[in-house]
Amino acid sequence: MTDFNVKIPESLYKQIEALATKENMSIEQLVAVALSAQVSAWMTKDYLEEKAQRGSWDKFQQVLNKVPDVEPDDYDKLD
């Protein structure tokens, strides 16, 4: 583990402290979980943007054009 010191607004610290108490975890655990979730979200966004740039709208349309234009079976319909 690495120590990481950061300055945050007092109001944010109080929110973190209250949430950590509510969730029965340490402030350090809560911050680590929250930071991990946010980093994961940013990385996922970057990954999806990269994949989208490699995609082809024309190829997507070609695949969609192969799908028959029929009503789904009753068991496959959304209510």
PDB file of N, CA and C in Angstrom:
ATOM      1  N   MET A   1       0.843  -1.184   0.000  1.00  0.00           N
ATOM      2  CA  MET A   1       0.000   0.000   0.000  1.00  0.00           C
ATOM      3  C   MET A   1       0.883   1.241   0.000  1.00  0.00           C
ATOM      4  N   THR A   2       0.373   2.276  -0.617  1.00  0.00           N
ATOM      5  CA  THR A   2       1.075   3.549  -0.669  1.00  0.00           C
ATOM      6  C   THR A   2       0.264   4.603   0.070  1.00  0.00           C
ATOM      7  N   ASP A   3       0.934   5.398   0.863  1.00  0.00           N
ATOM      8  CA  ASP A   3       0.268   6.523   1.514  1.00  0.00           C
ATOM      9  C   ASP A   3       0.104   7.640   0.497  1.00  0.00           C
ATOM     10  N   PHE A   4      -1.025   8.333   0.599  1.00  0.00           N
ATOM     11  CA  PHE A   4      -1.329   9.403  -0.348  1.00  0.00           C
ATOM     12  C   PHE A   4      -2.018  10.520   0.424  1.00  0.00           C
ATOM     13  N   ASN A   5      -1.363  11.639   0.554  1.00  0.00           N
ATOM     14  CA  ASN A   5      -1.929  12.778   1.286  1.00  0.00           C
ATOM     15  C   ASN A   5      -2.515  13.768   0.292  1.00  0.00           C
ATOM     16  N   VAL A   6      -3.703  14.232   0.601  1.00  0.00           N
ATOM     17  CA  VAL A   6      -4.366  15.177  -0.294  1.00  0.00           C
ATOM     18  C   VAL A   6      -5.186  16.154   0.547  1.00  0.00           C
ATOM     19  N   LYS A   7      -5.253  17.384   0.093  1.00  0.00           N
ATOM     20  CA  LYS A   7      -6.074  18.386   0.772  1.00  0.00           C
ATOM     21  C   LYS A   7      -7.438  18.427   0.095  1.00  0.00           C
ATOM     22  N   ILE A   8      -8.489  18.367   0.908  1.00  0.00           N
ATOM     23  CA  ILE A   8      -9.857  18.441   0.393  1.00  0.00           C
ATOM     24  C   ILE A   8     -10.634  19.455   1.229  1.00  0.00           C
ATOM     25  N   PRO A   9     -11.707  19.980   0.681  1.00  0.00           N
ATOM     26  CA  PRO A   9     -12.524  20.919   1.453  1.00  0.00           C
ATOM     27  C   PRO A   9     -13.095  20.250   2.711  1.00  0.00           C
ATOM     28  N   GLU A  10     -13.203  21.014   3.754  1.00  0.00           N
ATOM     29  CA  GLU A  10     -13.730  20.510   5.028  1.00  0.00           C
ATOM     30  C   GLU A  10     -15.124  19.914   4.846  1.00  0.00           C
ATOM     31  N   SER A  11     -15.950  20.549   4.012  1.00  0.00           N
ATOM     32  CA  SER A  11     -17.318  20.047   3.803  1.00  0.00           C
ATOM     33  C   SER A  11     -17.304  18.652   3.173  1.00  0.00           C
ATOM     34  N   LEU A  12     -16.391  18.411   2.239  1.00  0.00           N
ATOM     35  CA  LEU A  12     -16.281  17.085   1.623  1.00  0.00           C
ATOM     36  C   LEU A  12     -15.796  16.066   2.653  1.00  0.00           C
ATOM     37  N   TYR A  13     -14.832  16.457   3.470  1.00  0.00           N
ATOM     38  CA  TYR A  13     -14.336  15.551   4.508  1.00  0.00           C
ATOM     39  C   TYR A  13     -15.458  15.134   5.454  1.00  0.00           C
ATOM     40  N   LYS A  14     -16.298  16.084   5.841  1.00  0.00           N
ATOM     41  CA  LYS A  14     -17.404  15.769   6.744  1.00  0.00           C
ATOM     42  C   LYS A  14     -18.386  14.801   6.096  1.00  0.00           C
ATOM     43  N   GLN A  15     -18.629  14.970   4.795  1.00  0.00           N
ATOM     44  CA  GLN A  15     -19.513  14.038   4.084  1.00  0.00           C
ATOM     45  C   GLN A  15     -18.899  12.637   4.052  1.00  0.00           C
ATOM     46  N   ILE A  16     -17.611  12.572   3.766  1.00  0.00           N
ATOM     47  CA  ILE A  16     -16.911  11.286   3.725  1.00  0.00           C
ATOM     48  C   ILE A  16     -16.933  10.628   5.102  1.00  0.00           C
ATOM     49  N   GLU A  17     -16.682  11.422   6.122  1.00  0.00           N
ATOM     50  CA  GLU A  17     -16.671  10.912   7.491  1.00  0.00           C
ATOM     51  C   GLU A  17     -18.038  10.345   7.875  1.00  0.00           C
ATOM     52  N   ALA A  18     -19.094  11.074   7.541  1.00  0.00           N
ATOM     53  CA  ALA A  18     -20.447  10.620   7.867  1.00  0.00           C
ATOM     54  C   ALA A  18     -20.797   9.339   7.097  1.00  0.00           C
ATOM     55  N   LEU A  19     -20.428   9.291   5.837  1.00  0.00           N
ATOM     56  CA  LEU A  19     -20.731   8.112   5.035  1.00  0.00           C
ATOM     57  C   LEU A  19     -19.939   6.897   5.521  1.00  0.00           C
ATOM     58  N   ALA A  20     -18.690   7.104   5.865  1.00  0.00           N
ATOM     59  CA  ALA A  20     -17.871   6.007   6.379  1.00  0.00           C
ATOM     60  C   ALA A  20     -18.478   5.452   7.668  1.00  0.00           C
ATOM     61  N   THR A  21     -18.937   6.322   8.531  1.00  0.00           N
ATOM     62  CA  THR A  21     -19.586   5.888   9.771  1.00  0.00           C
ATOM     63  C   THR A  21     -20.853   5.100   9.452  1.00  0.00           C
ATOM     64  N   LYS A  22     -21.649   5.625   8.552  1.00  0.00           N
ATOM     65  CA  LYS A  22     -22.899   4.960   8.159  1.00  0.00           C
ATOM     66  C   LYS A  22     -22.628   3.577   7.572  1.00  0.00           C
ATOM     67  N   GLU A  23     -21.580   3.455   6.770  1.00  0.00           N
ATOM     68  CA  GLU A  23     -21.248   2.191   6.114  1.00  0.00           C
ATOM     69  C   GLU A  23     -20.369   1.292   6.977  1.00  0.00           C
ATOM     70  N   ASN A  24     -20.074   1.754   8.177  1.00  0.00           N
ATOM     71  CA  ASN A  24     -19.265   0.986   9.130  1.00  0.00           C
ATOM     72  C   ASN A  24     -17.902   0.613   8.540  1.00  0.00           C
ATOM     73  N   MET A  25     -17.235   1.607   7.976  1.00  0.00           N
ATOM     74  CA  MET A  25     -15.897   1.394   7.430  1.00  0.00           C
ATOM     75  C   MET A  25     -15.028   2.591   7.763  1.00  0.00           C
ATOM     76  N   SER A  26     -13.739   2.419   7.626  1.00  0.00           N
ATOM     77  CA  SER A  26     -12.840   3.532   7.908  1.00  0.00           C
ATOM     78  C   SER A  26     -12.898   4.543   6.765  1.00  0.00           C
ATOM     79  N   ILE A  27     -12.501   5.763   7.075  1.00  0.00           N
ATOM     80  CA  ILE A  27     -12.436   6.800   6.049  1.00  0.00           C
ATOM     81  C   ILE A  27     -11.483   6.361   4.946  1.00  0.00           C
ATOM     82  N   GLU A  28     -10.359   5.748   5.326  1.00  0.00           N
ATOM     83  CA  GLU A  28      -9.381   5.286   4.347  1.00  0.00           C
ATOM     84  C   GLU A  28      -9.989   4.255   3.393  1.00  0.00           C
ATOM     85  N   GLN A  29     -10.764   3.311   3.941  1.00  0.00           N
ATOM     86  CA  GLN A  29     -11.412   2.301   3.107  1.00  0.00           C
ATOM     87  C   GLN A  29     -12.410   2.948   2.151  1.00  0.00           C
ATOM     88  N   LEU A  30     -13.218   3.854   2.667  1.00  0.00           N
ATOM     89  CA  LEU A  30     -14.233   4.510   1.852  1.00  0.00           C
ATOM     90  C   LEU A  30     -13.592   5.288   0.705  1.00  0.00           C
ATOM     91  N   VAL A  31     -12.548   6.032   1.007  1.00  0.00           N
ATOM     92  CA  VAL A  31     -11.874   6.826  -0.023  1.00  0.00           C
ATOM     93  C   VAL A  31     -11.258   5.902  -1.069  1.00  0.00           C
ATOM     94  N   ALA A  32     -10.648   4.803  -0.640  1.00  0.00           N
ATOM     95  CA  ALA A  32     -10.043   3.857  -1.577  1.00  0.00           C
ATOM     96  C   ALA A  32     -11.100   3.248  -2.504  1.00  0.00           C
ATOM     97  N   VAL A  33     -12.239   2.869  -1.942  1.00  0.00           N
ATOM     98  CA  VAL A  33     -13.319   2.291  -2.747  1.00  0.00           C
ATOM     99  C   VAL A  33     -13.866   3.325  -3.734  1.00  0.00           C
ATOM    100  N   ALA A  34     -14.107   4.539  -3.255  1.00  0.00           N
ATOM    101  CA  ALA A  34     -14.652   5.596  -4.115  1.00  0.00           C
ATOM    102  C   ALA A  34     -13.676   5.961  -5.228  1.00  0.00           C
ATOM    103  N   LEU A  35     -12.416   6.070  -4.900  1.00  0.00           N
ATOM    104  CA  LEU A  35     -11.405   6.406  -5.897  1.00  0.00           C
ATOM    105  C   LEU A  35     -11.265   5.286  -6.921  1.00  0.00           C
ATOM    106  N   SER A  36     -11.288   4.059  -6.449  1.00  0.00           N
ATOM    107  CA  SER A  36     -11.216   2.909  -7.351  1.00  0.00           C
ATOM    108  C   SER A  36     -12.385   2.892  -8.326  1.00  0.00           C
ATOM    109  N   ALA A  37     -13.578   3.163  -7.827  1.00  0.00           N
ATOM    110  CA  ALA A  37     -14.763   3.184  -8.687  1.00  0.00           C
ATOM    111  C   ALA A  37     -14.669   4.280  -9.737  1.00  0.00           C
ATOM    112  N   GLN A  38     -14.196   5.452  -9.347  1.00  0.00           N
ATOM    113  CA  GLN A  38     -14.104   6.561 -10.284  1.00  0.00           C
ATOM    114  C   GLN A  38     -13.044   6.300 -11.347  1.00  0.00           C
ATOM    115  N   VAL A  39     -11.891   5.781 -10.932  1.00  0.00           N
ATOM    116  CA  VAL A  39     -10.830   5.468 -11.895  1.00  0.00           C
ATOM    117  C   VAL A  39     -11.327   4.413 -12.881  1.00  0.00           C
ATOM    118  N   SER A  40     -12.031   3.421 -12.384  1.00  0.00           N
ATOM    119  CA  SER A  40     -12.592   2.381 -13.249  1.00  0.00           C
ATOM    120  C   SER A  40     -13.569   2.975 -14.261  1.00  0.00           C
ATOM    121  N   ALA A  41     -14.400   3.901 -13.814  1.00  0.00           N
ATOM    122  CA  ALA A  41     -15.362   4.545 -14.718  1.00  0.00           C
ATOM    123  C   ALA A  41     -14.639   5.334 -15.807  1.00  0.00           C
ATOM    124  N   TRP A  42     -13.601   6.072 -15.438  1.00  0.00           N
ATOM    125  CA  TRP A  42     -12.835   6.830 -16.436  1.00  0.00           C
ATOM    126  C   TRP A  42     -12.165   5.902 -17.432  1.00  0.00           C
ATOM    127  N   MET A  43     -11.600   4.797 -16.928  1.00  0.00           N
ATOM    128  CA  MET A  43     -10.927   3.861 -17.819  1.00  0.00           C
ATOM    129  C   MET A  43     -11.919   3.190 -18.761  1.00  0.00           C
ATOM    130  N   THR A  44     -13.099   2.867 -18.262  1.00  0.00           N
ATOM    131  CA  THR A  44     -14.132   2.260 -19.101  1.00  0.00           C
ATOM    132  C   THR A  44     -14.565   3.231 -20.183  1.00  0.00           C
ATOM    133  N   LYS A  45     -14.747   4.494 -19.827  1.00  0.00           N
ATOM    134  CA  LYS A  45     -15.127   5.518 -20.807  1.00  0.00           C
ATOM    135  C   LYS A  45     -14.070   5.620 -21.898  1.00  0.00           C
ATOM    136  N   ASP A  46     -12.804   5.677 -21.498  1.00  0.00           N
ATOM    137  CA  ASP A  46     -11.716   5.757 -22.475  1.00  0.00           C
ATOM    138  C   ASP A  46     -11.700   4.525 -23.379  1.00  0.00           C
ATOM    139  N   TYR A  47     -11.912   3.349 -22.784  1.00  0.00           N
ATOM    140  CA  TYR A  47     -11.917   2.100 -23.548  1.00  0.00           C
ATOM    141  C   TYR A  47     -13.048   2.105 -24.578  1.00  0.00           C
ATOM    142  N   LEU A  48     -14.230   2.516 -24.151  1.00  0.00           N
ATOM    143  CA  LEU A  48     -15.368   2.531 -25.073  1.00  0.00           C
ATOM    144  C   LEU A  48     -15.183   3.560 -26.186  1.00  0.00           C
ATOM    145  N   GLU A  49     -14.604   4.709 -25.858  1.00  0.00           N
ATOM    146  CA  GLU A  49     -14.339   5.711 -26.889  1.00  0.00           C
ATOM    147  C   GLU A  49     -13.330   5.194 -27.903  1.00  0.00           C
ATOM    148  N   GLU A  50     -12.318   4.481 -27.415  1.00  0.00           N
ATOM    149  CA  GLU A  50     -11.312   3.910 -28.315  1.00  0.00           C
ATOM    150  C   GLU A  50     -11.946   2.864 -29.231  1.00  0.00           C
ATOM    151  N   LYS A  51     -12.781   1.992 -28.662  1.00  0.00           N
ATOM    152  CA  LYS A  51     -13.467   0.978 -29.464  1.00  0.00           C
ATOM    153  C   LYS A  51     -14.389   1.624 -30.483  1.00  0.00           C
ATOM    154  N   ALA A  52     -15.067   2.698 -30.102  1.00  0.00           N
ATOM    155  CA  ALA A  52     -15.988   3.377 -31.017  1.00  0.00           C
ATOM    156  C   ALA A  52     -15.240   3.979 -32.206  1.00  0.00           C
ATOM    157  N   GLN A  53     -14.043   4.472 -31.972  1.00  0.00           N
ATOM    158  CA  GLN A  53     -13.263   5.056 -33.067  1.00  0.00           C
ATOM    159  C   GLN A  53     -12.857   4.003 -34.087  1.00  0.00           C
ATOM    160  N   ARG A  54     -12.710   2.755 -33.648  1.00  0.00           N
ATOM    161  CA  ARG A  54     -12.332   1.687 -34.571  1.00  0.00           C
ATOM    162  C   ARG A  54     -13.536   1.117 -35.303  1.00  0.00           C
ATOM    163  N   GLY A  55     -14.729   1.474 -34.850  1.00  0.00           N
ATOM    164  CA  GLY A  55     -15.945   0.949 -35.456  1.00  0.00           C
ATOM    165  C   GLY A  55     -16.255   1.626 -36.785  1.00  0.00           C
ATOM    166  N   SER A  56     -17.163   1.022 -37.511  1.00  0.00           N
ATOM    167  CA  SER A  56     -17.573   1.559 -38.802  1.00  0.00           C
ATOM    168  C   SER A  56     -19.097   1.642 -38.846  1.00  0.00           C
ATOM    169  N   TRP A  57     -19.590   2.832 -39.040  1.00  0.00           N
ATOM    170  CA  TRP A  57     -21.039   3.028 -39.129  1.00  0.00           C
ATOM    171  C   TRP A  57     -21.609   2.278 -40.330  1.00  0.00           C
ATOM    172  N   ASP A  58     -20.885   2.269 -41.434  1.00  0.00           N
ATOM    173  CA  ASP A  58     -21.347   1.562 -42.641  1.00  0.00           C
ATOM    174  C   ASP A  58     -21.475   0.060 -42.386  1.00  0.00           C
ATOM    175  N   LYS A  59     -20.488  -0.533 -41.727  1.00  0.00           N
ATOM    176  CA  LYS A  59     -20.554  -1.968 -41.420  1.00  0.00           C
ATOM    177  C   LYS A  59     -21.699  -2.263 -40.461  1.00  0.00           C
ATOM    178  N   PHE A  60     -21.914  -1.379 -39.516  1.00  0.00           N
ATOM    179  CA  PHE A  60     -23.023  -1.534 -38.572  1.00  0.00           C
ATOM    180  C   PHE A  60     -24.352  -1.531 -39.327  1.00  0.00           C
ATOM    181  N   GLN A  61     -24.504  -0.597 -40.256  1.00  0.00           N
ATOM    182  CA  GLN A  61     -25.732  -0.525 -41.047  1.00  0.00           C
ATOM    183  C   GLN A  61     -25.907  -1.773 -41.915  1.00  0.00           C
ATOM    184  N   GLN A  62     -24.813  -2.297 -42.459  1.00  0.00           N
ATOM    185  CA  GLN A  62     -24.891  -3.512 -43.276  1.00  0.00           C
ATOM    186  C   GLN A  62     -25.416  -4.688 -42.453  1.00  0.00           C
ATOM    187  N   VAL A  63     -24.951  -4.798 -41.223  1.00  0.00           N
ATOM    188  CA  VAL A  63     -25.428  -5.870 -40.343  1.00  0.00           C
ATOM    189  C   VAL A  63     -26.901  -5.657 -40.003  1.00  0.00           C
ATOM    190  N   LEU A  64     -27.281  -4.435 -39.666  1.00  0.00           N
ATOM    191  CA  LEU A  64     -28.683  -4.163 -39.341  1.00  0.00           C
ATOM    192  C   LEU A  64     -29.606  -4.444 -40.515  1.00  0.00           C
ATOM    193  N   ASN A  65     -29.140  -4.191 -41.721  1.00  0.00           N
ATOM    194  CA  ASN A  65     -29.959  -4.436 -42.916  1.00  0.00           C
ATOM    195  C   ASN A  65     -30.248  -5.917 -43.118  1.00  0.00           C
ATOM    196  N   LYS A  66     -29.470  -6.801 -42.515  1.00  0.00           N
ATOM    197  CA  LYS A  66     -29.694  -8.242 -42.620  1.00  0.00           C
ATOM    198  C   LYS A  66     -30.780  -8.735 -41.670  1.00  0.00           C
ATOM    199  N   VAL A  67     -31.147  -7.913 -40.703  1.00  0.00           N
ATOM    200  CA  VAL A  67     -32.152  -8.307 -39.710  1.00  0.00           C
ATOM    201  C   VAL A  67     -33.533  -8.170 -40.341  1.00  0.00           C
ATOM    202  N   PRO A  68     -34.314  -9.255 -40.314  1.00  0.00           N
ATOM    203  CA  PRO A  68     -35.650  -9.174 -40.932  1.00  0.00           C
ATOM    204  C   PRO A  68     -36.558  -8.212 -40.163  1.00  0.00           C
ATOM    205  N   ASP A  69     -37.415  -7.536 -40.871  1.00  0.00           N
ATOM    206  CA  ASP A  69     -38.343  -6.570 -40.280  1.00  0.00           C
ATOM    207  C   ASP A  69     -39.655  -7.273 -39.959  1.00  0.00           C
ATOM    208  N   VAL A  70     -39.638  -8.061 -38.869  1.00  0.00           N
ATOM    209  CA  VAL A  70     -40.819  -8.819 -38.457  1.00  0.00           C
ATOM    210  C   VAL A  70     -41.038  -8.609 -36.963  1.00  0.00           C
ATOM    211  N   GLU A  71     -42.254  -8.836 -36.538  1.00  0.00           N
ATOM    212  CA  GLU A  71     -42.575  -8.757 -35.118  1.00  0.00           C
ATOM    213  C   GLU A  71     -41.907  -9.918 -34.384  1.00  0.00           C
ATOM    214  N   PRO A  72     -41.443  -9.705 -33.165  1.00  0.00           N
ATOM    215  CA  PRO A  72     -40.846 -10.816 -32.404  1.00  0.00           C
ATOM    216  C   PRO A  72     -41.921 -11.799 -31.952  1.00  0.00           C
ATOM    217  N   ASP A  73     -41.494 -13.016 -31.634  1.00  0.00           N
ATOM    218  CA  ASP A  73     -42.416 -14.000 -31.088  1.00  0.00           C
ATOM    219  C   ASP A  73     -42.959 -13.473 -29.766  1.00  0.00           C
ATOM    220  N   ASP A  74     -44.124 -13.959 -29.364  1.00  0.00           N
ATOM    221  CA  ASP A  74     -44.762 -13.482 -28.132  1.00  0.00           C
ATOM    222  C   ASP A  74     -43.842 -13.606 -26.925  1.00  0.00           C
ATOM    223  N   TYR A  75     -43.116 -14.715 -26.827  1.00  0.00           N
ATOM    224  CA  TYR A  75     -42.248 -14.926 -25.659  1.00  0.00           C
ATOM    225  C   TYR A  75     -41.063 -13.971 -25.638  1.00  0.00           C
ATOM    226  N   ASP A  76     -40.806 -13.297 -26.747  1.00  0.00           N
ATOM    227  CA  ASP A  76     -39.647 -12.429 -26.858  1.00  0.00           C
ATOM    228  C   ASP A  76     -40.027 -10.946 -26.827  1.00  0.00           C
ATOM    229  N   LYS A  77     -41.288 -10.640 -26.606  1.00  0.00           N
ATOM    230  CA  LYS A  77     -41.753  -9.249 -26.577  1.00  0.00           C
ATOM    231  C   LYS A  77     -41.595  -8.657 -25.182  1.00  0.00           C
ATOM    232  N   LEU A  78     -41.318  -7.372 -25.145  1.00  0.00           N
ATOM    233  CA  LEU A  78     -41.271  -6.659 -23.875  1.00  0.00           C
ATOM    234  C   LEU A  78     -42.668  -6.237 -23.497  1.00  0.00           C
ATOM    235  N   ASP A  79     -42.982  -6.330 -22.221  1.00  0.00           N
ATOM    236  CA  ASP A  79     -44.329  -5.918 -21.760  1.00  0.00           C
ATOM    237  C   ASP A  79     -44.386  -4.437 -21.533  1.00  0.00           C
TER     238      ASP A  79
END
